[in-house]
């Protein structure tokens, strides 16, 4: 068949495969570079955050004095520093800043993992009642059993967190279309465990213990100590690294059970293993700092808007962003009403609850 000149111009044009592959490769390369730059910027900001945040508080400390205190504790240092400044920075602010970094990273990556495990964008330790369960277990350990060691409290918190997780998953389902059911199940379980925690507080014979547990359940880094720092940072690094390695598994789970089985993954088994691992991390964080909500809900959504949906970047970005966010939230908590201190859970709740409403509205619009 032959065409005239006018007919040739009217024919549909088909691009050569090489002409379409080049723009795609270029676009993918740009996205990869953008992700790396964002992650590097977050890492740099995390390195700068401790020194900057320690300046603020009930008593302001000059940056030079902060560095002088830290330098005086380095091996081989001989230069003395003021005793009051040393107590403020080394005994109070630096441990709570490092603890905030660890707790924030744990909560951030836990939110990422739970959202992939249950295939629900609203999944988060606080919303799903995991944090409330862990708080009940920790309160039981302190009020009833009378233990105070971090490992023992974390063990009780993990047992209760695992129980809460199992109840929510059985009652709320795991699909994208059960978002409201999952949230309602998490709220119900959370209220049950919160009531049990309040009952434990009321039954305590020690007013000091009761007040400590009440303030602790609202979330606080004020009791951070150097012995806790090593444990929480180690837990954060192990959990983040583990989920980073397991990112392809999270990608498969988020795509659905059929996709997971197609690549040789048993969805039920890996979901159980990951849920227990995340529950253990959350329990340790709650045993350290109390119940801090909405970090694992808000941060992963923000990070996805920056780096895309690939879990390897989302896990790392959420760990860095959540750590930075929690440190600055704690800095605000100890500064805004100084010398009194605002529970950090109040701040995260004021930020996270409206964000949850916006997400629910967005899901309703898409339904």
Foldseek 3Di string as FASTA:
>chain_A
DDDDPVVVVVDDDDDDPVVVVVVVVVVVVVLVVLLVVLLVVLVVVLVVQLLVLLQFFLDGDDSVLLVVLVQCPDPPHDDDHDPVSNCSRVWFRNLLLLLLLLLLLLQQLLLLLLCLLLLELQDGCQLQQLQLQLLLQLLCCCQPVNDDDLVNSLVSSLVSSLVSNVQLCVQQHRYHVSHVRSSVSSVVNNVVSNVSSVVSLVPGPDPVSSVVSVLQQLWASRPGGPVLSVVSNVLSVVLLVVCLVCLVVSVQSSVHPVSNVVVPHDSVVVSSVSSSSSSSSSSSSCSNIHRADQLNNPQLVVQCVRNNDRRNSSSSSSSSVSSSVSSVLQSCQRHVPPPDGHHSNVVSCVVRVVVSVVVVVVSVVVD
